[in-house]
Amino acid sequence: MQAFFLVDPACHFHDNGIMEDEDIVRLLAALAQPHRLRAFRALVVAGPEGLTPGVLAEQLGLPAATLSFHLKEMLHAGLIGCTRDGRRLIYRADFARMNALLAFLSANCCAGQPCELTPAGDLPCDCPAGACADPAP
């Protein structure tokens, strides 16, 4: 299985592991469209196994060309990755990038006061062990 990414994951973080504002805006902009948001959520539900474009198009009720455009936009933003398995393409949510986005959005929540939210890294997950974990320390 060959993996390919259109965005170098290392370029989205400062040396301290914090995402840059431009990258956050790019990720949020990629999700700010109903078809892309639905597609991304479907890939999150699919977990590390991912989905083929045909299955995803059927689930979402989208024409293949429309879905292809939206998948390309999410690939360029770095929200998803794609691997080739023979002749099939498998799209997967980038869980490390998703969790980094959630951590950025919830950082300094409630001005340091106790609140009902938990850090993104503490969110419960039913994925197989390590599937959603960020491999970088």
N, C-alpha and C. Protein backbone atom coordinates (compact mmCIF):
# COMPACT_ATOMS: atom_id res chain seq x y z
N MET A 1 0.84 -1.17 0.00
CA MET A 1 0.00 0.00 0.00
C MET A 1 0.89 1.24 0.00
N GLN A 2 0.71 2.13 -0.93
CA GLN A 2 1.53 3.31 -1.06
C GLN A 2 0.75 4.53 -0.55
N ALA A 3 1.34 5.26 0.38
CA ALA A 3 0.70 6.47 0.91
C ALA A 3 1.22 7.69 0.18
N PHE A 4 0.35 8.63 -0.06
CA PHE A 4 0.81 9.89 -0.62
C PHE A 4 0.03 11.03 0.00
N PHE A 5 0.74 12.14 0.22
CA PHE A 5 0.15 13.32 0.81
C PHE A 5 0.56 14.50 -0.05
N LEU A 6 -0.36 15.41 -0.24
CA LEU A 6 -0.07 16.61 -1.00
C LEU A 6 0.52 17.70 -0.13
N VAL A 7 0.48 17.52 1.18
CA VAL A 7 0.98 18.51 2.11
C VAL A 7 1.97 17.83 3.03
N ASP A 8 3.13 18.44 3.24
CA ASP A 8 4.11 17.88 4.16
C ASP A 8 3.65 18.15 5.59
N PRO A 9 3.34 17.09 6.38
CA PRO A 9 2.83 17.30 7.73
C PRO A 9 3.78 18.13 8.60
N ALA A 10 5.08 18.04 8.37
CA ALA A 10 6.03 18.76 9.20
C ALA A 10 5.92 20.27 9.03
N CYS A 11 5.42 20.74 7.90
CA CYS A 11 5.38 22.19 7.65
C CYS A 11 4.23 22.88 8.36
N HIS A 12 3.39 22.15 9.04
CA HIS A 12 2.21 22.76 9.68
C HIS A 12 2.40 23.08 11.15
N PHE A 13 3.59 22.82 11.68
CA PHE A 13 3.80 23.02 13.10
C PHE A 13 5.09 23.80 13.33
N HIS A 14 5.07 24.65 14.36
CA HIS A 14 6.31 25.29 14.80
C HIS A 14 7.17 24.21 15.44
N ASP A 15 8.41 24.56 15.77
CA ASP A 15 9.29 23.59 16.42
C ASP A 15 8.72 23.08 17.74
N ASN A 16 7.85 23.88 18.38
CA ASN A 16 7.27 23.46 19.65
C ASN A 16 6.00 22.63 19.47
N GLY A 17 5.63 22.28 18.24
CA GLY A 17 4.48 21.43 17.98
C GLY A 17 3.17 22.19 17.87
N ILE A 18 3.20 23.52 17.92
CA ILE A 18 1.96 24.31 17.86
C ILE A 18 1.68 24.68 16.40
N MET A 19 0.44 24.53 16.00
CA MET A 19 0.05 24.87 14.63
C MET A 19 0.09 26.38 14.43
N GLU A 20 0.40 26.78 13.22
CA GLU A 20 0.42 28.20 12.87
C GLU A 20 -0.99 28.66 12.52
N ASP A 21 -1.26 29.94 12.73
CA ASP A 21 -2.59 30.50 12.46
C ASP A 21 -3.03 30.25 11.01
N GLU A 22 -2.11 30.40 10.05
CA GLU A 22 -2.47 30.19 8.65
C GLU A 22 -2.94 28.76 8.40
N ASP A 23 -2.34 27.82 9.10
CA ASP A 23 -2.72 26.42 8.94
C ASP A 23 -4.09 26.15 9.56
N ILE A 24 -4.35 26.79 10.68
CA ILE A 24 -5.66 26.64 11.31
C ILE A 24 -6.74 27.18 10.38
N VAL A 25 -6.49 28.34 9.80
CA VAL A 25 -7.46 28.94 8.87
C VAL A 25 -7.67 28.03 7.67
N ARG A 26 -6.61 27.43 7.14
CA ARG A 26 -6.73 26.53 6.00
C ARG A 26 -7.59 25.31 6.35
N LEU A 27 -7.36 24.74 7.54
CA LEU A 27 -8.14 23.57 7.97
C LEU A 27 -9.62 23.93 8.16
N LEU A 28 -9.87 25.05 8.82
CA LEU A 28 -11.25 25.45 9.05
C LEU A 28 -11.96 25.81 7.74
N ALA A 29 -11.24 26.46 6.83
CA ALA A 29 -11.84 26.82 5.54
C ALA A 29 -12.21 25.56 4.76
N ALA A 30 -11.38 24.53 4.86
CA ALA A 30 -11.68 23.28 4.15
C ALA A 30 -12.93 22.61 4.70
N LEU A 31 -13.23 22.84 5.96
CA LEU A 31 -14.43 22.24 6.56
C LEU A 31 -15.66 23.15 6.44
N ALA A 32 -15.47 24.37 5.97
CA ALA A 32 -16.55 25.36 5.92
C ALA A 32 -17.39 25.22 4.65
N GLN A 33 -17.68 24.01 4.28
CA GLN A 33 -18.52 23.71 3.12
C GLN A 33 -19.28 22.44 3.46
N PRO A 34 -20.59 22.42 3.30
CA PRO A 34 -21.39 21.28 3.77
C PRO A 34 -20.97 19.91 3.23
N HIS A 35 -20.65 19.79 1.94
CA HIS A 35 -20.26 18.49 1.39
C HIS A 35 -18.93 18.03 1.98
N ARG A 36 -17.99 18.96 2.13
CA ARG A 36 -16.69 18.58 2.69
C ARG A 36 -16.83 18.21 4.16
N LEU A 37 -17.64 18.94 4.89
CA LEU A 37 -17.83 18.62 6.30
C LEU A 37 -18.45 17.22 6.44
N ARG A 38 -19.44 16.91 5.63
CA ARG A 38 -20.06 15.59 5.68
C ARG A 38 -19.07 14.49 5.28
N ALA A 39 -18.27 14.76 4.26
CA ALA A 39 -17.28 13.77 3.82
C ALA A 39 -16.24 13.54 4.90
N PHE A 40 -15.76 14.63 5.52
CA PHE A 40 -14.77 14.48 6.57
C PHE A 40 -15.33 13.70 7.75
N ARG A 41 -16.54 14.01 8.14
CA ARG A 41 -17.17 13.28 9.25
C ARG A 41 -17.35 11.80 8.90
N ALA A 42 -17.69 11.50 7.66
CA ALA A 42 -17.82 10.09 7.24
C ALA A 42 -16.46 9.38 7.33
N LEU A 43 -15.39 10.08 6.97
CA LEU A 43 -14.05 9.48 7.06
C LEU A 43 -13.64 9.29 8.52
N VAL A 44 -14.04 10.20 9.38
CA VAL A 44 -13.76 10.04 10.81
C VAL A 44 -14.49 8.82 11.35
N VAL A 45 -15.75 8.67 10.97
CA VAL A 45 -16.53 7.50 11.41
C VAL A 45 -15.90 6.21 10.88
N ALA A 46 -15.39 6.24 9.66
CA ALA A 46 -14.78 5.04 9.06
C ALA A 46 -13.52 4.62 9.80
N GLY A 47 -12.88 5.54 10.48
CA GLY A 47 -11.68 5.21 11.25
C GLY A 47 -10.48 4.97 10.36
N PRO A 48 -9.48 4.28 10.89
CA PRO A 48 -8.23 4.08 10.16
C PRO A 48 -8.38 3.24 8.89
N GLU A 49 -9.47 2.49 8.76
CA GLU A 49 -9.67 1.70 7.54
C GLU A 49 -9.97 2.60 6.35
N GLY A 50 -10.55 3.77 6.59
CA GLY A 50 -10.86 4.70 5.52
C GLY A 50 -11.96 4.21 4.60
N LEU A 51 -12.16 4.94 3.52
CA LEU A 51 -13.19 4.62 2.54
C LEU A 51 -12.68 4.87 1.13
N THR A 52 -13.20 4.10 0.19
CA THR A 52 -12.92 4.37 -1.22
C THR A 52 -13.83 5.52 -1.68
N PRO A 53 -13.45 6.23 -2.74
CA PRO A 53 -14.32 7.29 -3.23
C PRO A 53 -15.71 6.79 -3.62
N GLY A 54 -15.81 5.58 -4.17
CA GLY A 54 -17.11 5.05 -4.57
C GLY A 54 -18.04 4.84 -3.39
N VAL A 55 -17.50 4.28 -2.32
CA VAL A 55 -18.31 4.06 -1.12
C VAL A 55 -18.70 5.39 -0.50
N LEU A 56 -17.75 6.31 -0.44
CA LEU A 56 -18.02 7.63 0.13
C LEU A 56 -19.07 8.38 -0.68
N ALA A 57 -18.96 8.34 -2.01
CA ALA A 57 -19.94 9.00 -2.88
C ALA A 57 -21.33 8.41 -2.67
N GLU A 58 -21.40 7.10 -2.52
CA GLU A 58 -22.69 6.45 -2.30
C GLU A 58 -23.29 6.85 -0.95
N GLN A 59 -22.45 6.86 0.09
CA GLN A 59 -22.92 7.25 1.42
C GLN A 59 -23.46 8.68 1.44
N LEU A 60 -22.77 9.57 0.71
CA LEU A 60 -23.12 10.99 0.75
C LEU A 60 -24.12 11.38 -0.33
N GLY A 61 -24.34 10.50 -1.29
CA GLY A 61 -25.25 10.82 -2.39
C GLY A 61 -24.71 11.91 -3.30
N LEU A 62 -23.40 11.89 -3.52
CA LEU A 62 -22.75 12.91 -4.36
C LEU A 62 -22.24 12.29 -5.66
N PRO A 63 -22.28 13.05 -6.75
CA PRO A 63 -21.65 12.57 -7.99
C PRO A 63 -20.14 12.43 -7.78
N ALA A 64 -19.54 11.50 -8.49
CA ALA A 64 -18.11 11.22 -8.34
C ALA A 64 -17.25 12.47 -8.58
N ALA A 65 -17.57 13.26 -9.60
CA ALA A 65 -16.78 14.45 -9.91
C ALA A 65 -16.86 15.48 -8.78
N THR A 66 -18.03 15.63 -8.21
CA THR A 66 -18.20 16.58 -7.11
C THR A 66 -17.39 16.12 -5.90
N LEU A 67 -17.50 14.83 -5.58
CA LEU A 67 -16.75 14.30 -4.44
C LEU A 67 -15.25 14.44 -4.68
N SER A 68 -14.80 14.16 -5.88
CA SER A 68 -13.38 14.26 -6.21
C SER A 68 -12.86 15.67 -5.94
N PHE A 69 -13.61 16.68 -6.32
CA PHE A 69 -13.23 18.07 -6.08
C PHE A 69 -13.08 18.32 -4.57
N HIS A 70 -14.04 17.87 -3.80
CA HIS A 70 -14.02 18.12 -2.36
C HIS A 70 -12.90 17.33 -1.66
N LEU A 71 -12.65 16.11 -2.10
CA LEU A 71 -11.54 15.33 -1.54
C LEU A 71 -10.21 16.02 -1.82
N LYS A 72 -10.07 16.56 -3.02
CA LYS A 72 -8.83 17.28 -3.38
C LYS A 72 -8.63 18.48 -2.47
N GLU A 73 -9.70 19.21 -2.19
CA GLU A 73 -9.60 20.38 -1.31
C GLU A 73 -9.16 19.97 0.10
N MET A 74 -9.71 18.88 0.59
CA MET A 74 -9.34 18.43 1.94
C MET A 74 -7.92 17.86 1.96
N LEU A 75 -7.49 17.22 0.87
CA LEU A 75 -6.10 16.76 0.78
C LEU A 75 -5.14 17.94 0.82
N HIS A 76 -5.43 18.98 0.06
CA HIS A 76 -4.56 20.16 0.03
C HIS A 76 -4.50 20.84 1.39
N ALA A 77 -5.59 20.81 2.13
CA ALA A 77 -5.60 21.42 3.46
C ALA A 77 -4.88 20.55 4.49
N GLY A 78 -4.72 19.27 4.19
CA GLY A 78 -4.06 18.36 5.12
C GLY A 78 -5.01 17.69 6.10
N LEU A 79 -6.31 17.76 5.84
CA LEU A 79 -7.28 17.12 6.72
C LEU A 79 -7.37 15.61 6.51
N ILE A 80 -7.05 15.16 5.32
CA ILE A 80 -7.15 13.75 4.99
C ILE A 80 -5.89 13.30 4.27
N GLY A 81 -5.69 12.00 4.26
CA GLY A 81 -4.61 11.39 3.51
C GLY A 81 -5.21 10.37 2.56
N CYS A 82 -4.39 9.90 1.65
CA CYS A 82 -4.87 8.95 0.65
C CYS A 82 -3.78 7.92 0.40
N THR A 83 -4.18 6.67 0.33
CA THR A 83 -3.24 5.60 -0.01
C THR A 83 -3.79 4.84 -1.20
N ARG A 84 -2.88 4.25 -1.95
CA ARG A 84 -3.27 3.42 -3.09
C ARG A 84 -3.11 1.97 -2.69
N ASP A 85 -4.16 1.22 -2.89
CA ASP A 85 -4.15 -0.22 -2.61
C ASP A 85 -4.48 -0.90 -3.93
N GLY A 86 -3.44 -1.25 -4.69
CA GLY A 86 -3.67 -1.77 -6.05
C GLY A 86 -4.24 -0.67 -6.92
N ARG A 87 -5.42 -0.88 -7.44
CA ARG A 87 -6.07 0.14 -8.28
C ARG A 87 -7.01 1.04 -7.49
N ARG A 88 -7.19 0.71 -6.21
CA ARG A 88 -8.14 1.48 -5.39
C ARG A 88 -7.43 2.58 -4.61
N LEU A 89 -8.12 3.70 -4.45
CA LEU A 89 -7.67 4.75 -3.55
C LEU A 89 -8.46 4.63 -2.26
N ILE A 90 -7.77 4.78 -1.14
CA ILE A 90 -8.42 4.75 0.16
C ILE A 90 -8.14 6.09 0.84
N TYR A 91 -9.21 6.80 1.17
CA TYR A 91 -9.08 8.09 1.86
C TYR A 91 -9.32 7.87 3.34
N ARG A 92 -8.50 8.57 4.16
CA ARG A 92 -8.61 8.48 5.61
C ARG A 92 -8.50 9.86 6.21
N ALA A 93 -9.23 10.08 7.29
CA ALA A 93 -9.07 11.32 8.05
C ALA A 93 -7.68 11.31 8.68
N ASP A 94 -7.07 12.47 8.75
CA ASP A 94 -5.78 12.61 9.44
C ASP A 94 -6.12 12.94 10.90
N PHE A 95 -6.16 11.90 11.74
CA PHE A 95 -6.60 12.07 13.12
C PHE A 95 -5.64 12.94 13.92
N ALA A 96 -4.34 12.85 13.64
CA ALA A 96 -3.38 13.68 14.35
C ALA A 96 -3.64 15.16 14.05
N ARG A 97 -3.89 15.48 12.78
CA ARG A 97 -4.16 16.87 12.40
C ARG A 97 -5.50 17.32 13.00
N MET A 98 -6.52 16.45 12.97
CA MET A 98 -7.82 16.79 13.55
C MET A 98 -7.67 17.08 15.04
N ASN A 99 -6.93 16.22 15.75
CA ASN A 99 -6.75 16.42 17.18
C ASN A 99 -5.94 17.68 17.48
N ALA A 100 -4.96 18.00 16.62
CA ALA A 100 -4.20 19.24 16.80
C ALA A 100 -5.10 20.46 16.61
N LEU A 101 -6.01 20.39 15.65
CA LEU A 101 -6.96 21.48 15.43
C LEU A 101 -7.86 21.65 16.65
N LEU A 102 -8.39 20.54 17.16
CA LEU A 102 -9.24 20.60 18.35
C LEU A 102 -8.48 21.14 19.56
N ALA A 103 -7.23 20.73 19.71
CA ALA A 103 -6.41 21.22 20.83
C ALA A 103 -6.18 22.72 20.69
N PHE A 104 -5.91 23.19 19.48
CA PHE A 104 -5.71 24.62 19.25
C PHE A 104 -6.98 25.40 19.61
N LEU A 105 -8.13 24.90 19.16
CA LEU A 105 -9.39 25.60 19.40
C LEU A 105 -9.78 25.62 20.88
N SER A 106 -9.36 24.62 21.62
CA SER A 106 -9.75 24.56 23.03
C SER A 106 -8.63 24.99 23.98
N ALA A 107 -7.47 25.37 23.44
CA ALA A 107 -6.37 25.83 24.29
C ALA A 107 -6.82 27.09 25.04
N ASN A 108 -6.43 27.19 26.26
CA ASN A 108 -6.75 28.34 27.11
C ASN A 108 -8.26 28.52 27.27
N CYS A 109 -8.98 27.44 27.21
CA CYS A 109 -10.44 27.49 27.37
C CYS A 109 -10.80 28.11 28.71
N CYS A 110 -11.81 28.92 28.71
CA CYS A 110 -12.38 29.51 29.93
C CYS A 110 -11.34 30.29 30.73
N ALA A 111 -10.37 30.87 30.06
CA ALA A 111 -9.34 31.71 30.68
C ALA A 111 -8.69 31.03 31.89
N GLY A 112 -8.49 29.74 31.81
CA GLY A 112 -7.83 29.00 32.87
C GLY A 112 -8.74 28.59 34.01
N GLN A 113 -10.00 28.95 33.96
CA GLN A 113 -10.95 28.57 35.01
C GLN A 113 -11.49 27.17 34.72
N PRO A 114 -11.90 26.46 35.75
CA PRO A 114 -12.49 25.13 35.51
C PRO A 114 -13.73 25.24 34.61
N CYS A 115 -13.86 24.30 33.71
CA CYS A 115 -15.02 24.30 32.82
C CYS A 115 -15.41 22.87 32.51
N GLU A 116 -16.44 22.71 31.72
CA GLU A 116 -16.98 21.38 31.41
C GLU A 116 -16.20 20.67 30.30
N LEU A 117 -15.33 21.37 29.59
CA LEU A 117 -14.63 20.78 28.45
C LEU A 117 -13.38 20.05 28.90
N THR A 118 -13.02 19.01 28.14
CA THR A 118 -11.78 18.29 28.39
C THR A 118 -10.84 18.58 27.24
N PRO A 119 -9.52 18.50 27.47
CA PRO A 119 -8.58 18.70 26.36
C PRO A 119 -8.83 17.68 25.25
N ALA A 120 -8.53 18.07 24.01
CA ALA A 120 -8.79 17.20 22.85
C ALA A 120 -8.11 15.85 23.01
N GLY A 121 -6.94 15.80 23.62
CA GLY A 121 -6.24 14.54 23.80
C GLY A 121 -6.94 13.60 24.76
N ASP A 122 -7.85 14.14 25.59
CA ASP A 122 -8.56 13.32 26.56
C ASP A 122 -9.94 12.89 26.09
N LEU A 123 -10.31 13.22 24.85
CA LEU A 123 -11.62 12.84 24.35
C LEU A 123 -11.70 11.33 24.22
N PRO A 124 -12.81 10.73 24.62
CA PRO A 124 -12.94 9.27 24.50
C PRO A 124 -12.99 8.86 23.03
N CYS A 125 -12.38 7.75 22.74
CA CYS A 125 -12.34 7.28 21.36
C CYS A 125 -12.48 5.76 21.36
N ASP A 126 -13.28 5.25 20.43
CA ASP A 126 -13.47 3.81 20.31
C ASP A 126 -12.56 3.19 19.25
N CYS A 127 -11.61 3.97 18.74
CA CYS A 127 -10.72 3.45 17.70
C CYS A 127 -9.78 2.40 18.29
N PRO A 128 -9.25 1.52 17.42
CA PRO A 128 -8.25 0.56 17.89
C PRO A 128 -7.09 1.30 18.54
N ALA A 129 -6.44 0.68 19.48
CA ALA A 129 -5.36 1.31 20.24
C ALA A 129 -4.36 2.00 19.32
N GLY A 130 -4.16 3.29 19.58
CA GLY A 130 -3.17 4.06 18.85
C GLY A 130 -3.60 4.58 17.50
N ALA A 131 -4.78 4.23 17.00
CA ALA A 131 -5.20 4.64 15.66
C ALA A 131 -5.35 6.15 15.54
N CYS A 132 -5.79 6.80 16.60
CA CYS A 132 -6.03 8.24 16.55
C CYS A 132 -4.90 9.01 17.19
N ALA A 133 -3.94 8.33 17.73
CA ALA A 133 -2.87 9.00 18.46
C ALA A 133 -1.95 9.74 17.50
N ASP A 134 -1.44 10.87 17.95
CA ASP A 134 -0.48 11.64 17.19
C ASP A 134 0.88 10.97 17.39
N PRO A 135 1.52 10.50 16.30
CA PRO A 135 2.79 9.80 16.47
C PRO A 135 3.92 10.71 16.94
N ALA A 136 3.79 12.03 16.75
CA ALA A 136 4.83 12.94 17.18
C ALA A 136 4.70 13.20 18.67
N PRO A 137 5.82 13.28 19.40
CA PRO A 137 5.75 13.54 20.85
C PRO A 137 5.27 14.93 21.13
